[in-house]
C-alpha cells in the first residue's frame, strides 16, 4: 500500500519483454480488461477477456483464478492499471501491465487475433466529448447558455484525468456496439478454468 492507503500502481512490462515471456516454457496468463467488443476486434492470441467492469464487481472471486505472474492488457495501459489496483485490493499484488497496451503491441508488429473492427473505447470518448463541445460552442452563438455544456464536458474530462476514471467511457462501454458476446462471471470463470475465451 502507498502512504495514502491505496495499492501501488502495477509494474509495467514492455512488448519485447512480454513476447520473450510468452515464448518461454511457462508463459504468464494474459488478462485483457477491455470490453468484449474491443477484445473481439483485436487481441493478443491466448489472452482471456475479463472486462474491467466485471473485474471491479467480482475482483475477490476472480483473484482465486489468477496468480501474480498474470499480465493485464487494455488499449493503452490505463484500464489495465485500474484492474491491477482492484486485484491488489482483493489480495493479489504484484501483477504487471502491458506498457502502452494493445496499441504498443500492434505498433511493434506483434501477433494479433483479429475479428470485426471496432473503435477503441478511448477513441469513442474523444469523438463523443469533442462532438458535444463543438456542438455546444457553435450553438452558443445563438444560445449563449449552451457554452456551459462545453464547460461541463471540460470539467468531466479534467476530473477523469485527475481520478484516472472516465464516466463517459463507462457509459459507452455499456452500449450494444461495445458489449460484443455475452460476458458474465460464469463465462469468464469457465474461460479462465478451461483456457477458452
N, C-alpha and C. Protein backbone atom coordinates (compact mmCIF):
# COMPACT_ATOMS: atom_id res chain seq x y z
N UNK A 1 0.83 -1.18 0.00
CA UNK A 1 0.00 0.00 0.00
C UNK A 1 0.88 1.25 0.00
N UNK A 2 0.37 2.27 -0.64
CA UNK A 2 1.07 3.55 -0.62
C UNK A 2 0.74 4.27 0.68
N UNK A 3 1.38 5.41 0.89
CA UNK A 3 1.15 6.17 2.10
C UNK A 3 -0.30 6.58 2.23
N UNK A 4 -0.98 6.82 1.14
CA UNK A 4 -2.38 7.24 1.16
C UNK A 4 -3.33 6.06 1.39
N UNK A 5 -2.81 4.83 1.51
CA UNK A 5 -3.66 3.67 1.72
C UNK A 5 -4.14 3.03 0.44
N UNK A 6 -3.73 3.54 -0.71
CA UNK A 6 -4.11 2.97 -1.99
C UNK A 6 -3.06 1.97 -2.43
N UNK A 7 -3.47 0.92 -3.14
CA UNK A 7 -2.47 -0.02 -3.64
C UNK A 7 -1.58 0.67 -4.66
N UNK A 8 -0.31 0.27 -4.75
CA UNK A 8 0.58 0.90 -5.72
C UNK A 8 0.18 0.53 -7.14
N UNK A 9 0.64 1.34 -8.09
CA UNK A 9 0.39 1.02 -9.49
C UNK A 9 1.13 -0.26 -9.85
N UNK A 10 0.52 -1.10 -10.66
CA UNK A 10 1.19 -2.33 -11.08
C UNK A 10 2.44 -2.01 -11.91
N UNK A 11 3.40 -2.91 -11.86
CA UNK A 11 4.62 -2.75 -12.65
C UNK A 11 4.29 -2.90 -14.14
N UNK A 12 5.04 -2.21 -14.96
CA UNK A 12 4.83 -2.28 -16.41
C UNK A 12 5.81 -3.27 -17.02
N UNK A 13 5.36 -3.93 -18.07
CA UNK A 13 6.22 -4.81 -18.86
C UNK A 13 6.08 -4.36 -20.32
N UNK A 14 7.20 -4.19 -21.01
CA UNK A 14 7.11 -3.72 -22.39
C UNK A 14 6.83 -4.87 -23.35
N UNK A 15 6.52 -4.51 -24.58
CA UNK A 15 6.14 -5.51 -25.58
C UNK A 15 7.24 -6.54 -25.81
N UNK A 16 8.49 -6.11 -25.95
CA UNK A 16 9.58 -7.04 -26.21
C UNK A 16 9.74 -8.04 -25.07
N UNK A 17 9.65 -7.55 -23.84
CA UNK A 17 9.77 -8.44 -22.69
C UNK A 17 8.61 -9.42 -22.63
N UNK A 18 7.40 -8.93 -22.89
CA UNK A 18 6.25 -9.82 -22.85
C UNK A 18 6.36 -10.89 -23.93
N UNK A 19 6.82 -10.53 -25.10
CA UNK A 19 6.99 -11.53 -26.16
C UNK A 19 7.96 -12.62 -25.74
N UNK A 20 9.06 -12.23 -25.06
CA UNK A 20 10.03 -13.22 -24.57
C UNK A 20 9.38 -14.11 -23.51
N UNK A 21 8.60 -13.51 -22.61
CA UNK A 21 7.93 -14.31 -21.57
C UNK A 21 6.94 -15.30 -22.18
N UNK A 22 6.22 -14.86 -23.23
CA UNK A 22 5.25 -15.75 -23.87
C UNK A 22 5.91 -16.89 -24.62
N UNK A 23 7.13 -16.66 -25.10
CA UNK A 23 7.86 -17.70 -25.82
C UNK A 23 8.58 -18.66 -24.88
N UNK A 24 8.66 -18.30 -23.59
CA UNK A 24 9.32 -19.15 -22.61
C UNK A 24 8.46 -20.36 -22.30
N UNK A 25 9.02 -21.30 -21.57
CA UNK A 25 8.33 -22.56 -21.28
C UNK A 25 7.07 -22.42 -20.44
N UNK A 26 7.01 -21.46 -19.56
CA UNK A 26 5.86 -21.30 -18.67
C UNK A 26 5.35 -19.86 -18.79
N UNK A 27 4.62 -19.54 -19.87
CA UNK A 27 4.23 -18.15 -20.11
C UNK A 27 3.20 -17.65 -19.10
N UNK A 28 3.17 -16.33 -18.88
CA UNK A 28 2.17 -15.77 -17.97
C UNK A 28 0.80 -15.79 -18.62
N UNK A 29 -0.23 -15.75 -17.81
CA UNK A 29 -1.60 -15.65 -18.31
C UNK A 29 -1.86 -14.19 -18.67
N UNK A 30 -2.44 -13.95 -19.84
CA UNK A 30 -2.79 -12.60 -20.29
C UNK A 30 -4.26 -12.35 -20.03
N UNK A 31 -4.55 -11.27 -19.29
CA UNK A 31 -5.92 -10.90 -18.96
C UNK A 31 -6.21 -9.57 -19.62
N UNK A 32 -7.09 -9.58 -20.61
CA UNK A 32 -7.47 -8.38 -21.37
C UNK A 32 -8.72 -7.79 -20.73
N UNK A 33 -8.61 -6.57 -20.19
CA UNK A 33 -9.71 -5.98 -19.43
C UNK A 33 -10.58 -5.03 -20.26
N UNK A 34 -10.40 -5.02 -21.57
CA UNK A 34 -11.23 -4.17 -22.42
C UNK A 34 -12.62 -4.76 -22.55
N UNK A 35 -13.50 -4.01 -23.21
CA UNK A 35 -14.86 -4.51 -23.42
C UNK A 35 -14.82 -5.73 -24.33
N UNK A 36 -15.84 -6.58 -24.28
CA UNK A 36 -15.88 -7.73 -25.19
C UNK A 36 -15.81 -7.32 -26.66
N UNK A 37 -16.43 -6.19 -27.01
CA UNK A 37 -16.38 -5.72 -28.39
C UNK A 37 -14.96 -5.36 -28.81
N UNK A 38 -14.24 -4.65 -27.94
CA UNK A 38 -12.84 -4.31 -28.25
C UNK A 38 -11.99 -5.57 -28.34
N UNK A 39 -12.22 -6.50 -27.42
CA UNK A 39 -11.47 -7.76 -27.41
C UNK A 39 -11.69 -8.52 -28.71
N UNK A 40 -12.95 -8.59 -29.16
CA UNK A 40 -13.24 -9.30 -30.40
C UNK A 40 -12.60 -8.65 -31.61
N UNK A 41 -12.45 -7.32 -31.57
CA UNK A 41 -11.84 -6.63 -32.71
C UNK A 41 -10.38 -7.00 -32.88
N UNK A 42 -9.64 -7.08 -31.78
CA UNK A 42 -8.22 -7.45 -31.85
C UNK A 42 -7.73 -7.75 -30.45
N UNK A 43 -7.02 -8.86 -30.31
CA UNK A 43 -6.44 -9.21 -29.01
C UNK A 43 -5.20 -10.07 -29.22
N UNK A 44 -4.41 -10.15 -28.18
CA UNK A 44 -3.20 -10.97 -28.22
C UNK A 44 -3.65 -12.43 -28.17
N UNK A 45 -3.17 -13.26 -29.10
CA UNK A 45 -3.57 -14.67 -29.08
C UNK A 45 -3.29 -15.30 -27.71
N UNK A 46 -4.26 -16.05 -27.24
CA UNK A 46 -4.12 -16.73 -25.95
C UNK A 46 -4.59 -15.92 -24.76
N UNK A 47 -4.93 -14.65 -24.97
CA UNK A 47 -5.39 -13.82 -23.84
C UNK A 47 -6.83 -14.17 -23.51
N UNK A 48 -7.23 -13.84 -22.29
CA UNK A 48 -8.59 -14.07 -21.82
C UNK A 48 -9.25 -12.73 -21.55
N UNK A 49 -10.51 -12.59 -21.92
CA UNK A 49 -11.24 -11.35 -21.74
C UNK A 49 -11.95 -11.34 -20.39
N UNK A 50 -11.52 -10.42 -19.52
CA UNK A 50 -12.17 -10.19 -18.23
C UNK A 50 -12.44 -8.68 -18.18
N UNK A 51 -13.60 -8.22 -18.68
CA UNK A 51 -13.87 -6.79 -18.75
C UNK A 51 -13.71 -6.11 -17.39
N UNK A 52 -13.22 -4.88 -17.43
CA UNK A 52 -12.93 -4.14 -16.21
C UNK A 52 -14.14 -4.00 -15.30
N UNK A 53 -15.32 -3.75 -15.87
CA UNK A 53 -16.50 -3.59 -15.00
C UNK A 53 -16.82 -4.89 -14.27
N UNK A 54 -16.62 -6.03 -14.91
CA UNK A 54 -16.84 -7.32 -14.27
C UNK A 54 -15.77 -7.57 -13.21
N UNK A 55 -14.55 -7.19 -13.52
CA UNK A 55 -13.45 -7.36 -12.58
C UNK A 55 -13.67 -6.50 -11.33
N UNK A 56 -14.15 -5.27 -11.53
CA UNK A 56 -14.44 -4.40 -10.38
C UNK A 56 -15.51 -5.02 -9.48
N UNK A 57 -16.53 -5.61 -10.09
CA UNK A 57 -17.64 -6.17 -9.32
C UNK A 57 -17.29 -7.49 -8.64
N UNK A 58 -16.34 -8.24 -9.21
CA UNK A 58 -16.06 -9.59 -8.72
C UNK A 58 -14.57 -9.86 -8.55
N UNK A 59 -13.80 -8.83 -8.20
CA UNK A 59 -12.35 -8.98 -8.06
C UNK A 59 -11.96 -10.05 -7.08
N UNK A 60 -12.70 -10.18 -5.97
CA UNK A 60 -12.36 -11.18 -4.97
C UNK A 60 -12.54 -12.60 -5.50
N UNK A 61 -13.57 -12.82 -6.32
CA UNK A 61 -13.80 -14.15 -6.91
C UNK A 61 -12.76 -14.43 -7.98
N UNK A 62 -12.50 -13.44 -8.84
CA UNK A 62 -11.55 -13.64 -9.93
C UNK A 62 -10.13 -13.81 -9.41
N UNK A 63 -9.82 -13.20 -8.28
CA UNK A 63 -8.49 -13.29 -7.70
C UNK A 63 -8.06 -14.75 -7.51
N UNK A 64 -9.01 -15.60 -7.15
CA UNK A 64 -8.72 -17.01 -6.90
C UNK A 64 -8.31 -17.76 -8.17
N UNK A 65 -8.59 -17.17 -9.34
CA UNK A 65 -8.29 -17.84 -10.61
C UNK A 65 -7.07 -17.24 -11.31
N UNK A 66 -6.37 -16.35 -10.62
CA UNK A 66 -5.21 -15.69 -11.19
C UNK A 66 -4.02 -15.85 -10.26
N UNK A 67 -2.84 -15.66 -10.80
CA UNK A 67 -1.65 -15.63 -9.94
C UNK A 67 -0.85 -14.38 -10.27
N UNK A 68 0.18 -14.13 -9.50
CA UNK A 68 0.95 -12.89 -9.64
C UNK A 68 1.77 -12.81 -10.92
N UNK A 69 1.79 -13.87 -11.70
CA UNK A 69 2.51 -13.83 -12.97
C UNK A 69 1.65 -13.26 -14.09
N UNK A 70 0.36 -13.08 -13.85
CA UNK A 70 -0.55 -12.59 -14.89
C UNK A 70 -0.15 -11.19 -15.36
N UNK A 71 -0.40 -10.94 -16.64
CA UNK A 71 -0.16 -9.63 -17.23
C UNK A 71 -1.50 -9.09 -17.71
N UNK A 72 -1.81 -7.86 -17.27
CA UNK A 72 -3.07 -7.21 -17.62
C UNK A 72 -2.89 -6.37 -18.87
N UNK A 73 -3.89 -6.42 -19.75
CA UNK A 73 -3.81 -5.75 -21.04
C UNK A 73 -5.07 -4.93 -21.27
N UNK A 74 -4.91 -3.74 -21.85
CA UNK A 74 -6.05 -2.95 -22.32
C UNK A 74 -5.59 -2.20 -23.57
N UNK A 75 -6.27 -1.14 -23.93
CA UNK A 75 -5.90 -0.40 -25.14
C UNK A 75 -4.59 0.37 -24.96
N UNK A 76 -4.47 1.08 -23.83
CA UNK A 76 -3.29 1.94 -23.64
C UNK A 76 -2.52 1.65 -22.37
N UNK A 77 -3.09 0.88 -21.45
CA UNK A 77 -2.46 0.60 -20.16
C UNK A 77 -3.21 1.22 -19.00
N UNK A 78 -4.08 2.20 -19.25
CA UNK A 78 -4.79 2.89 -18.18
C UNK A 78 -5.78 1.97 -17.47
N UNK A 79 -6.65 1.33 -18.24
CA UNK A 79 -7.65 0.43 -17.62
C UNK A 79 -6.97 -0.78 -16.98
N UNK A 80 -5.90 -1.27 -17.59
CA UNK A 80 -5.18 -2.40 -17.01
C UNK A 80 -4.58 -2.00 -15.66
N UNK A 81 -4.10 -0.76 -15.54
CA UNK A 81 -3.59 -0.27 -14.27
C UNK A 81 -4.70 -0.23 -13.21
N UNK A 82 -5.89 0.20 -13.62
CA UNK A 82 -7.03 0.20 -12.69
C UNK A 82 -7.35 -1.23 -12.25
N UNK A 83 -7.34 -2.16 -13.20
CA UNK A 83 -7.61 -3.56 -12.88
C UNK A 83 -6.57 -4.10 -11.91
N UNK A 84 -5.32 -3.72 -12.11
CA UNK A 84 -4.26 -4.16 -11.20
C UNK A 84 -4.49 -3.68 -9.78
N UNK A 85 -4.95 -2.44 -9.65
CA UNK A 85 -5.23 -1.90 -8.32
C UNK A 85 -6.44 -2.61 -7.68
N UNK A 86 -7.46 -2.93 -8.48
CA UNK A 86 -8.62 -3.67 -7.97
C UNK A 86 -8.18 -5.03 -7.45
N UNK A 87 -7.35 -5.72 -8.22
CA UNK A 87 -6.90 -7.05 -7.80
C UNK A 87 -5.94 -6.97 -6.61
N UNK A 88 -5.16 -5.91 -6.54
CA UNK A 88 -4.29 -5.72 -5.37
C UNK A 88 -5.15 -5.54 -4.12
N UNK A 89 -6.24 -4.78 -4.24
CA UNK A 89 -7.18 -4.62 -3.12
C UNK A 89 -7.81 -5.95 -2.72
N UNK A 90 -7.97 -6.86 -3.71
CA UNK A 90 -8.56 -8.17 -3.44
C UNK A 90 -7.52 -9.17 -2.94
N UNK A 91 -6.28 -8.73 -2.78
CA UNK A 91 -5.26 -9.60 -2.22
C UNK A 91 -4.30 -10.20 -3.22
N UNK A 92 -4.22 -9.63 -4.41
CA UNK A 92 -3.30 -10.14 -5.43
C UNK A 92 -2.40 -9.02 -5.92
N UNK A 93 -1.41 -8.63 -5.12
CA UNK A 93 -0.48 -7.59 -5.56
C UNK A 93 0.55 -8.17 -6.52
N UNK A 94 1.29 -7.32 -7.17
CA UNK A 94 2.41 -7.77 -7.99
C UNK A 94 2.09 -8.09 -9.43
N UNK A 95 0.86 -7.86 -9.87
CA UNK A 95 0.55 -8.10 -11.27
C UNK A 95 1.26 -7.08 -12.14
N UNK A 96 1.42 -7.41 -13.39
CA UNK A 96 2.06 -6.49 -14.33
C UNK A 96 1.06 -6.04 -15.38
N UNK A 97 1.37 -4.90 -16.00
CA UNK A 97 0.54 -4.30 -17.04
C UNK A 97 1.38 -4.16 -18.30
N UNK A 98 0.79 -4.48 -19.44
CA UNK A 98 1.48 -4.27 -20.72
C UNK A 98 1.57 -2.77 -20.97
N UNK A 99 2.79 -2.23 -20.95
CA UNK A 99 3.01 -0.80 -21.17
C UNK A 99 2.55 -0.42 -22.58
N UNK A 100 1.71 0.59 -22.67
CA UNK A 100 1.21 1.04 -23.96
C UNK A 100 0.07 0.19 -24.49
N UNK A 101 -0.26 -0.89 -23.78
CA UNK A 101 -1.39 -1.73 -24.12
C UNK A 101 -1.33 -2.36 -25.50
N UNK A 102 -2.49 -2.70 -26.00
CA UNK A 102 -2.61 -3.37 -27.29
C UNK A 102 -2.10 -2.47 -28.41
N UNK A 103 -2.15 -1.15 -28.21
CA UNK A 103 -1.63 -0.22 -29.22
C UNK A 103 -0.14 -0.41 -29.40
N UNK A 104 0.61 -0.49 -28.30
CA UNK A 104 2.06 -0.70 -28.39
C UNK A 104 2.36 -2.08 -28.97
N UNK A 105 1.57 -3.08 -28.58
CA UNK A 105 1.74 -4.43 -29.10
C UNK A 105 1.58 -4.44 -30.62
N UNK A 106 0.55 -3.78 -31.10
CA UNK A 106 0.28 -3.71 -32.54
C UNK A 106 1.36 -2.91 -33.25
N UNK A 107 1.78 -1.78 -32.66
CA UNK A 107 2.84 -0.95 -33.27
C UNK A 107 4.15 -1.71 -33.42
N UNK A 108 4.39 -2.67 -32.52
CA UNK A 108 5.62 -3.46 -32.57
C UNK A 108 5.53 -4.60 -33.58
N UNK A 109 4.38 -4.74 -34.21
CA UNK A 109 4.21 -5.81 -35.20
C UNK A 109 4.04 -7.18 -34.57
N UNK A 110 3.67 -7.21 -33.30
CA UNK A 110 3.46 -8.48 -32.60
C UNK A 110 2.15 -9.11 -33.08
N UNK A 111 2.02 -10.42 -32.94
CA UNK A 111 0.85 -11.11 -33.49
C UNK A 111 -0.45 -10.71 -32.78
N UNK A 112 -1.50 -10.58 -33.58
CA UNK A 112 -2.84 -10.23 -33.08
C UNK A 112 -3.86 -11.17 -33.68
N UNK A 113 -4.83 -11.55 -32.87
CA UNK A 113 -6.01 -12.25 -33.38
C UNK A 113 -7.04 -11.15 -33.65
N UNK A 114 -7.56 -11.10 -34.87
CA UNK A 114 -8.47 -10.01 -35.22
C UNK A 114 -9.85 -10.55 -35.58
N UNK A 115 -10.83 -9.69 -35.40
CA UNK A 115 -12.21 -10.00 -35.73
C UNK A 115 -12.84 -8.78 -36.36
N UNK A 116 -14.09 -8.52 -36.01
CA UNK A 116 -14.82 -7.38 -36.54
C UNK A 116 -14.18 -6.09 -36.03
N UNK A 117 -13.76 -5.18 -36.95
CA UNK A 117 -13.12 -3.93 -36.50
C UNK A 117 -14.09 -3.05 -35.71
N UNK A 118 -13.59 -2.49 -34.62
CA UNK A 118 -14.35 -1.55 -33.79
C UNK A 118 -13.39 -0.48 -33.31
N UNK A 119 -13.93 0.67 -33.02
CA UNK A 119 -13.11 1.74 -32.44
C UNK A 119 -12.82 1.42 -30.98
N UNK A 120 -11.60 1.75 -30.55
CA UNK A 120 -11.25 1.60 -29.14
C UNK A 120 -12.11 2.55 -28.31
N UNK A 121 -12.35 2.18 -27.07
CA UNK A 121 -13.21 2.97 -26.19
C UNK A 121 -12.66 4.39 -26.01
N UNK A 122 -11.35 4.54 -25.87
CA UNK A 122 -10.76 5.87 -25.72
C UNK A 122 -11.05 6.75 -26.94
N UNK A 123 -11.02 6.16 -28.13
CA UNK A 123 -11.33 6.92 -29.34
C UNK A 123 -12.79 7.33 -29.36
N UNK A 124 -13.68 6.45 -28.90
CA UNK A 124 -15.10 6.77 -28.84
C UNK A 124 -15.35 7.93 -27.87
N UNK A 125 -14.64 7.93 -26.72
CA UNK A 125 -14.79 9.02 -25.75
C UNK A 125 -14.36 10.34 -26.39
N UNK A 126 -13.23 10.33 -27.10
CA UNK A 126 -12.77 11.57 -27.75
C UNK A 126 -13.79 12.07 -28.76
N UNK A 127 -14.39 11.15 -29.54
CA UNK A 127 -15.39 11.55 -30.53
C UNK A 127 -16.62 12.16 -29.87
N UNK A 128 -17.16 11.50 -28.85
CA UNK A 128 -18.37 11.98 -28.21
C UNK A 128 -18.10 13.30 -27.48
N UNK A 129 -17.04 13.35 -26.68
CA UNK A 129 -16.72 14.57 -25.94
C UNK A 129 -16.45 15.73 -26.91
N UNK A 130 -15.66 15.49 -27.94
CA UNK A 130 -15.36 16.54 -28.91
C UNK A 130 -16.59 17.01 -29.64
N UNK A 131 -17.47 16.09 -30.00
CA UNK A 131 -18.70 16.47 -30.70
C UNK A 131 -19.62 17.31 -29.83
N UNK A 132 -19.73 16.94 -28.56
CA UNK A 132 -20.58 17.72 -27.65
C UNK A 132 -20.00 19.11 -27.45
N UNK A 133 -18.69 19.20 -27.25
CA UNK A 133 -18.06 20.52 -27.06
C UNK A 133 -18.23 21.37 -28.31
N UNK A 134 -17.92 20.81 -29.48
CA UNK A 134 -18.06 21.56 -30.72
C UNK A 134 -19.50 22.01 -30.93
N UNK A 135 -20.45 21.10 -30.73
CA UNK A 135 -21.86 21.45 -30.91
C UNK A 135 -22.32 22.53 -29.95
N UNK A 136 -21.89 22.45 -28.69
CA UNK A 136 -22.33 23.46 -27.72
C UNK A 136 -21.68 24.81 -27.98
N UNK A 137 -20.43 24.83 -28.42
CA UNK A 137 -19.77 26.10 -28.74
C UNK A 137 -20.46 26.75 -29.95
N UNK A 138 -20.75 25.97 -30.99
CA UNK A 138 -21.43 26.51 -32.16
C UNK A 138 -22.84 26.99 -31.80
N UNK A 139 -23.53 26.22 -30.96
CA UNK A 139 -24.88 26.60 -30.53
C UNK A 139 -24.86 27.86 -29.67
N UNK A 140 -23.76 28.06 -28.93
CA UNK A 140 -23.69 29.22 -28.03
C UNK A 140 -23.68 30.55 -28.79
N UNK A 141 -23.42 30.53 -30.10
CA UNK A 141 -23.52 31.75 -30.90
C UNK A 141 -24.97 32.26 -30.91
N UNK A 142 -25.92 31.33 -30.85
CA UNK A 142 -27.33 31.68 -30.84
C UNK A 142 -27.92 31.63 -29.43
N UNK A 143 -27.49 30.65 -28.66
CA UNK A 143 -27.97 30.46 -27.29
C UNK A 143 -26.76 30.49 -26.35
N UNK A 144 -26.43 31.65 -25.81
CA UNK A 144 -25.20 31.80 -25.02
C UNK A 144 -25.05 30.80 -23.88
N UNK A 145 -26.14 30.35 -23.31
CA UNK A 145 -26.02 29.40 -22.20
C UNK A 145 -25.52 28.03 -22.62
N UNK A 146 -25.53 27.73 -23.89
CA UNK A 146 -25.04 26.43 -24.37
C UNK A 146 -23.56 26.25 -24.08
N UNK A 147 -22.83 27.34 -23.86
CA UNK A 147 -21.40 27.23 -23.55
C UNK A 147 -21.16 26.44 -22.27
N UNK A 148 -22.16 26.40 -21.38
CA UNK A 148 -21.99 25.68 -20.12
C UNK A 148 -21.98 24.17 -20.33
N UNK A 149 -22.55 23.71 -21.42
CA UNK A 149 -22.45 22.28 -21.75
C UNK A 149 -21.00 21.94 -22.03
N UNK A 150 -20.33 22.80 -22.82
CA UNK A 150 -18.90 22.59 -23.10
C UNK A 150 -18.09 22.65 -21.82
N UNK A 151 -18.44 23.58 -20.93
CA UNK A 151 -17.74 23.68 -19.65
C UNK A 151 -17.93 22.41 -18.82
N UNK A 152 -19.13 21.87 -18.85
CA UNK A 152 -19.40 20.63 -18.11
C UNK A 152 -18.58 19.46 -18.64
N UNK A 153 -18.47 19.37 -19.96
CA UNK A 153 -17.65 18.30 -20.55
C UNK A 153 -16.19 18.50 -20.17
N UNK A 154 -15.72 19.75 -20.24
CA UNK A 154 -14.34 20.05 -19.84
C UNK A 154 -14.07 19.68 -18.40
N UNK A 155 -15.02 20.00 -17.52
CA UNK A 155 -14.88 19.64 -16.10
C UNK A 155 -14.85 18.12 -15.93
N UNK A 156 -15.71 17.43 -16.67
CA UNK A 156 -15.73 15.97 -16.59
C UNK A 156 -14.43 15.35 -17.06
N UNK A 157 -13.87 15.87 -18.14
CA UNK A 157 -12.59 15.36 -18.64
C UNK A 157 -11.45 15.66 -17.67
N UNK A 158 -11.50 16.83 -17.04
CA UNK A 158 -10.48 17.17 -16.06
C UNK A 158 -10.56 16.22 -14.87
N UNK A 159 -11.78 15.98 -14.39
CA UNK A 159 -11.95 15.04 -13.28
C UNK A 159 -11.49 13.64 -13.69
N UNK A 160 -11.81 13.23 -14.92
CA UNK A 160 -11.41 11.91 -15.40
C UNK A 160 -9.89 11.76 -15.37
N UNK A 161 -9.18 12.82 -15.76
CA UNK A 161 -7.72 12.76 -15.75
C UNK A 161 -7.18 12.70 -14.32
N UNK A 162 -7.76 13.52 -13.43
CA UNK A 162 -7.27 13.56 -12.05
C UNK A 162 -7.58 12.28 -11.28
N UNK A 163 -8.74 11.69 -11.54
CA UNK A 163 -9.15 10.49 -10.80
C UNK A 163 -8.76 9.20 -11.53
N UNK A 164 -8.29 9.31 -12.76
CA UNK A 164 -7.94 8.16 -13.60
C UNK A 164 -9.15 7.24 -13.79
N UNK A 165 -10.33 7.87 -13.91
CA UNK A 165 -11.56 7.15 -14.23
C UNK A 165 -12.25 7.92 -15.35
N UNK A 166 -13.22 7.32 -15.98
CA UNK A 166 -13.92 8.03 -17.05
C UNK A 166 -15.37 7.58 -17.08
N UNK A 167 -16.25 8.44 -16.55
CA UNK A 167 -17.68 8.11 -16.53
C UNK A 167 -18.21 7.92 -17.94
N UNK A 168 -17.78 8.78 -18.89
CA UNK A 168 -18.26 8.64 -20.26
C UNK A 168 -17.81 7.31 -20.85
N UNK A 169 -16.59 6.92 -20.58
CA UNK A 169 -16.09 5.64 -21.07
C UNK A 169 -16.88 4.47 -20.49
N UNK A 170 -17.21 4.57 -19.20
CA UNK A 170 -18.00 3.50 -18.57
C UNK A 170 -19.39 3.41 -19.19
N UNK A 171 -19.98 4.58 -19.50
CA UNK A 171 -21.30 4.58 -20.14
C UNK A 171 -21.22 4.01 -21.56
N UNK A 172 -20.22 4.46 -22.32
CA UNK A 172 -20.07 3.97 -23.69
C UNK A 172 -19.80 2.47 -23.73
N UNK A 173 -19.09 1.95 -22.72
CA UNK A 173 -18.77 0.52 -22.71
C UNK A 173 -20.03 -0.34 -22.58
N UNK A 174 -21.12 0.26 -22.13
CA UNK A 174 -22.37 -0.50 -21.95
C UNK A 174 -23.24 -0.52 -23.21
N UNK A 175 -22.85 0.24 -24.23
CA UNK A 175 -23.63 0.23 -25.47
C UNK A 175 -23.52 -1.13 -26.15
N UNK A 176 -24.58 -1.57 -26.82
CA UNK A 176 -24.54 -2.87 -27.50
C UNK A 176 -23.34 -3.00 -28.44
N UNK A 177 -22.96 -1.92 -29.09
CA UNK A 177 -21.82 -1.93 -30.01
C UNK A 177 -20.54 -2.40 -29.31
N UNK A 178 -20.37 -2.03 -28.05
CA UNK A 178 -19.17 -2.37 -27.31
C UNK A 178 -19.30 -3.65 -26.50
N UNK A 179 -20.50 -4.13 -26.32
CA UNK A 179 -20.69 -5.31 -25.48
C UNK A 179 -20.14 -6.57 -26.11
N UNK A 180 -20.31 -6.71 -27.42
CA UNK A 180 -19.83 -7.93 -28.05
C UNK A 180 -20.59 -9.13 -27.51
N UNK A 181 -19.97 -10.31 -27.53
CA UNK A 181 -20.63 -11.50 -27.00
C UNK A 181 -20.90 -11.35 -25.50
N UNK A 182 -21.87 -12.08 -25.02
CA UNK A 182 -22.22 -12.02 -23.61
C UNK A 182 -21.02 -12.44 -22.76
N UNK A 183 -20.68 -11.59 -21.80
CA UNK A 183 -19.58 -11.89 -20.91
C UNK A 183 -20.07 -11.67 -19.49
N UNK A 184 -20.34 -12.76 -18.79
CA UNK A 184 -20.74 -12.67 -17.40
C UNK A 184 -19.72 -13.42 -16.55
N UNK A 185 -19.89 -13.41 -15.25
CA UNK A 185 -18.92 -14.02 -14.35
C UNK A 185 -18.73 -15.50 -14.64
N UNK A 186 -19.82 -16.23 -14.87
CA UNK A 186 -19.72 -17.66 -15.14
C UNK A 186 -18.92 -17.93 -16.41
N UNK A 187 -19.19 -17.16 -17.46
CA UNK A 187 -18.47 -17.32 -18.73
C UNK A 187 -16.97 -17.06 -18.52
N UNK A 188 -16.65 -16.00 -17.79
CA UNK A 188 -15.25 -15.65 -17.55
C UNK A 188 -14.56 -16.72 -16.72
N UNK A 189 -15.22 -17.19 -15.65
CA UNK A 189 -14.60 -18.23 -14.81
C UNK A 189 -14.38 -19.51 -15.59
N UNK A 190 -15.33 -19.88 -16.46
CA UNK A 190 -15.16 -21.06 -17.30
C UNK A 190 -13.97 -20.90 -18.23
N UNK A 191 -13.84 -19.69 -18.82
CA UNK A 191 -12.72 -19.44 -19.73
C UNK A 191 -11.39 -19.50 -18.99
N UNK A 192 -11.34 -18.96 -17.78
CA UNK A 192 -10.10 -18.99 -17.01
C UNK A 192 -9.74 -20.41 -16.59
N UNK A 193 -10.76 -21.23 -16.30
CA UNK A 193 -10.52 -22.61 -15.86
C UNK A 193 -10.16 -23.54 -17.00
N UNK A 194 -10.77 -23.31 -18.18
CA UNK A 194 -10.58 -24.25 -19.29
C UNK A 194 -9.67 -23.74 -20.38
N UNK A 195 -9.29 -22.49 -20.32
CA UNK A 195 -8.43 -21.95 -21.38
C UNK A 195 -9.22 -21.43 -22.56
N UNK A 196 -10.53 -21.28 -22.42
CA UNK A 196 -11.34 -20.71 -23.52
C UNK A 196 -11.24 -19.21 -23.55
N UNK A 197 -12.16 -18.58 -24.29
CA UNK A 197 -12.19 -17.14 -24.47
C UNK A 197 -12.05 -16.44 -23.15
